[in-house]
């Protein structure tokens, strides 16, 4: 099974959304990027998903994988 991903993206001007990959109707809208990142991080941690944060231009700013919580380094 493919791991789910949640994206934080700019939407219609100054709004930011969290969008679950493959679930078009499962997005939430926020007035700031920081609020969207906080909500996306919380959801990704709960579900053990990957969080992908996008820049204003749509490019990827950062990725955080909360799927492996075993604390393995390397």
N, C-alpha and C. Protein backbone atom coordinates (compact mmCIF):
# COMPACT_ATOMS: atom_id res chain seq x y z
N UNK A 1 0.84 -1.19 0.00
CA UNK A 1 0.00 0.00 0.00
C UNK A 1 0.88 1.25 0.00
N UNK A 2 0.52 2.23 -0.79
CA UNK A 2 1.27 3.47 -0.88
C UNK A 2 1.03 4.35 0.34
N UNK A 3 2.08 4.97 0.83
CA UNK A 3 1.97 5.84 1.99
C UNK A 3 1.23 7.13 1.63
N UNK A 4 0.35 7.56 2.49
CA UNK A 4 -0.40 8.79 2.26
C UNK A 4 0.50 10.00 2.52
N UNK A 5 0.19 11.07 1.82
CA UNK A 5 0.92 12.33 1.98
C UNK A 5 -0.06 13.47 2.17
N UNK A 6 0.35 14.42 2.98
CA UNK A 6 -0.44 15.63 3.14
C UNK A 6 0.43 16.81 2.69
N UNK A 7 -0.14 17.68 1.87
CA UNK A 7 0.58 18.82 1.30
C UNK A 7 0.06 20.11 1.91
N UNK A 8 0.96 21.05 2.15
CA UNK A 8 0.60 22.41 2.53
C UNK A 8 0.92 23.28 1.32
N UNK A 9 -0.12 23.89 0.72
CA UNK A 9 0.04 24.66 -0.51
C UNK A 9 -0.70 25.99 -0.44
N UNK A 10 -0.21 26.95 -1.22
CA UNK A 10 -0.89 28.25 -1.33
C UNK A 10 -2.13 28.08 -2.19
N UNK A 11 -3.19 28.78 -1.80
CA UNK A 11 -4.46 28.63 -2.51
C UNK A 11 -5.14 29.98 -2.62
N UNK A 12 -5.42 30.40 -3.83
CA UNK A 12 -6.18 31.62 -4.10
C UNK A 12 -5.69 32.82 -3.30
N UNK A 13 -4.58 33.35 -3.69
CA UNK A 13 -4.07 34.56 -3.05
C UNK A 13 -3.28 34.28 -1.79
N UNK A 14 -3.79 34.76 -0.67
CA UNK A 14 -3.04 34.65 0.58
C UNK A 14 -3.44 33.46 1.44
N UNK A 15 -4.40 32.67 1.03
CA UNK A 15 -4.83 31.52 1.82
C UNK A 15 -3.91 30.33 1.58
N UNK A 16 -3.83 29.47 2.58
CA UNK A 16 -3.04 28.24 2.51
C UNK A 16 -3.94 27.07 2.87
N UNK A 17 -3.70 25.92 2.25
CA UNK A 17 -4.52 24.75 2.52
C UNK A 17 -3.65 23.54 2.85
N UNK A 18 -4.28 22.60 3.54
CA UNK A 18 -3.71 21.27 3.68
C UNK A 18 -4.53 20.38 2.77
N UNK A 19 -3.84 19.60 1.93
CA UNK A 19 -4.51 18.73 0.97
C UNK A 19 -3.96 17.32 1.11
N UNK A 20 -4.86 16.36 1.26
CA UNK A 20 -4.45 14.96 1.34
C UNK A 20 -4.37 14.42 -0.08
N UNK A 21 -3.21 13.89 -0.41
CA UNK A 21 -2.97 13.36 -1.76
C UNK A 21 -3.98 12.25 -2.08
N UNK A 22 -4.66 12.37 -3.21
CA UNK A 22 -5.61 11.36 -3.63
C UNK A 22 -7.00 11.53 -3.06
N UNK A 23 -7.22 12.57 -2.26
CA UNK A 23 -8.54 12.84 -1.67
C UNK A 23 -8.89 14.31 -1.90
N UNK A 24 -9.37 14.65 -3.09
CA UNK A 24 -9.59 16.05 -3.45
C UNK A 24 -10.52 16.83 -2.52
N UNK A 25 -11.48 16.20 -1.93
CA UNK A 25 -12.42 16.91 -1.06
C UNK A 25 -11.97 17.02 0.39
N UNK A 26 -10.78 16.52 0.68
CA UNK A 26 -10.32 16.48 2.07
C UNK A 26 -9.31 17.57 2.37
N UNK A 27 -9.60 18.81 1.96
CA UNK A 27 -8.67 19.90 2.23
C UNK A 27 -9.25 20.84 3.27
N UNK A 28 -8.35 21.55 3.95
CA UNK A 28 -8.74 22.57 4.91
C UNK A 28 -8.02 23.85 4.52
N UNK A 29 -8.68 24.99 4.73
CA UNK A 29 -8.12 26.28 4.36
C UNK A 29 -7.76 27.08 5.61
N UNK A 30 -6.64 27.83 5.56
CA UNK A 30 -6.15 28.60 6.69
C UNK A 30 -5.72 29.99 6.21
N UNK A 31 -5.82 31.00 7.08
CA UNK A 31 -5.43 32.35 6.68
C UNK A 31 -3.91 32.55 6.60
N UNK A 32 -3.12 31.66 7.21
CA UNK A 32 -1.67 31.83 7.16
C UNK A 32 -0.97 30.50 6.90
N UNK A 33 0.22 30.61 6.37
CA UNK A 33 1.05 29.42 6.10
C UNK A 33 1.38 28.70 7.41
N UNK A 34 1.69 29.46 8.44
CA UNK A 34 2.05 28.88 9.74
C UNK A 34 0.92 28.03 10.32
N UNK A 35 -0.32 28.52 10.19
CA UNK A 35 -1.46 27.76 10.69
C UNK A 35 -1.65 26.48 9.89
N UNK A 36 -1.48 26.57 8.59
CA UNK A 36 -1.61 25.38 7.74
C UNK A 36 -0.53 24.36 8.06
N UNK A 37 0.70 24.82 8.28
CA UNK A 37 1.80 23.92 8.63
C UNK A 37 1.53 23.24 9.96
N UNK A 38 1.06 23.99 10.95
CA UNK A 38 0.76 23.42 12.26
C UNK A 38 -0.32 22.34 12.15
N UNK A 39 -1.39 22.63 11.41
CA UNK A 39 -2.47 21.65 11.24
C UNK A 39 -2.00 20.44 10.45
N UNK A 40 -1.23 20.67 9.40
CA UNK A 40 -0.71 19.57 8.59
C UNK A 40 0.24 18.69 9.39
N UNK A 41 1.08 19.30 10.21
CA UNK A 41 2.02 18.55 11.05
C UNK A 41 1.27 17.67 12.04
N UNK A 42 0.27 18.24 12.69
CA UNK A 42 -0.53 17.48 13.66
C UNK A 42 -1.19 16.27 13.00
N UNK A 43 -1.80 16.49 11.85
CA UNK A 43 -2.48 15.40 11.14
C UNK A 43 -1.49 14.34 10.66
N UNK A 44 -0.35 14.78 10.12
CA UNK A 44 0.66 13.84 9.62
C UNK A 44 1.21 12.99 10.77
N UNK A 45 1.41 13.58 11.93
CA UNK A 45 1.89 12.82 13.09
C UNK A 45 0.85 11.79 13.54
N UNK A 46 -0.41 12.23 13.60
CA UNK A 46 -1.49 11.32 14.03
C UNK A 46 -1.62 10.13 13.10
N UNK A 47 -1.56 10.38 11.81
CA UNK A 47 -1.79 9.34 10.81
C UNK A 47 -0.52 8.63 10.36
N UNK A 48 0.64 9.16 10.81
CA UNK A 48 1.95 8.64 10.40
C UNK A 48 2.14 8.75 8.89
N UNK A 49 1.86 9.93 8.38
CA UNK A 49 1.96 10.24 6.98
C UNK A 49 3.19 11.10 6.73
N UNK A 50 3.47 11.34 5.45
CA UNK A 50 4.51 12.28 5.07
C UNK A 50 3.88 13.66 4.88
N UNK A 51 4.55 14.68 5.38
CA UNK A 51 4.11 16.06 5.23
C UNK A 51 5.03 16.75 4.23
N UNK A 52 4.43 17.35 3.21
CA UNK A 52 5.19 18.07 2.20
C UNK A 52 4.73 19.52 2.22
N UNK A 53 5.66 20.41 2.53
CA UNK A 53 5.36 21.84 2.61
C UNK A 53 5.89 22.52 1.35
N UNK A 54 5.00 23.26 0.68
CA UNK A 54 5.35 23.92 -0.58
C UNK A 54 5.62 25.41 -0.36
N UNK A 55 6.46 25.96 -1.23
CA UNK A 55 6.72 27.40 -1.25
C UNK A 55 5.56 28.10 -1.96
N UNK A 56 5.58 29.40 -1.93
CA UNK A 56 4.54 30.19 -2.61
C UNK A 56 4.48 29.88 -4.11
N UNK A 57 5.63 29.59 -4.71
CA UNK A 57 5.66 29.32 -6.15
C UNK A 57 5.28 27.88 -6.50
N UNK A 58 4.97 27.07 -5.48
CA UNK A 58 4.54 25.69 -5.71
C UNK A 58 5.63 24.65 -5.55
N UNK A 59 6.89 25.08 -5.56
CA UNK A 59 8.00 24.14 -5.36
C UNK A 59 8.01 23.58 -3.95
N UNK A 60 8.71 22.49 -3.76
CA UNK A 60 8.76 21.86 -2.44
C UNK A 60 9.76 22.60 -1.56
N UNK A 61 9.30 23.01 -0.39
CA UNK A 61 10.15 23.69 0.60
C UNK A 61 10.79 22.66 1.53
N UNK A 62 9.97 21.73 2.04
CA UNK A 62 10.50 20.69 2.93
C UNK A 62 9.58 19.48 2.96
N UNK A 63 10.16 18.36 3.40
CA UNK A 63 9.42 17.11 3.57
C UNK A 63 9.72 16.56 4.95
N UNK A 64 8.70 16.04 5.61
CA UNK A 64 8.86 15.41 6.91
C UNK A 64 8.07 14.11 6.90
N UNK A 65 8.74 13.01 7.16
CA UNK A 65 8.08 11.71 7.17
C UNK A 65 7.83 11.29 8.61
N UNK A 66 6.57 11.29 8.99
CA UNK A 66 6.19 10.89 10.34
C UNK A 66 5.76 9.43 10.40
N UNK A 67 6.01 8.69 9.32
CA UNK A 67 5.59 7.29 9.24
C UNK A 67 6.45 6.34 10.04
N UNK A 68 7.72 6.66 10.21
CA UNK A 68 8.63 5.77 10.93
C UNK A 68 9.00 6.43 12.25
N UNK A 69 8.35 6.03 13.31
CA UNK A 69 8.55 6.64 14.62
C UNK A 69 9.46 5.81 15.52
N UNK A 70 10.30 4.95 14.94
CA UNK A 70 11.15 4.08 15.73
C UNK A 70 12.43 4.77 16.17
N UNK A 71 12.71 5.96 15.66
CA UNK A 71 13.89 6.71 16.06
C UNK A 71 15.17 6.21 15.44
N UNK A 72 15.10 5.58 14.28
CA UNK A 72 16.29 5.07 13.61
C UNK A 72 17.00 6.23 12.93
N UNK A 73 18.29 6.34 13.18
CA UNK A 73 19.10 7.38 12.57
C UNK A 73 20.05 6.73 11.57
N UNK A 74 20.20 7.35 10.42
CA UNK A 74 21.16 6.83 9.46
C UNK A 74 20.51 6.48 8.23
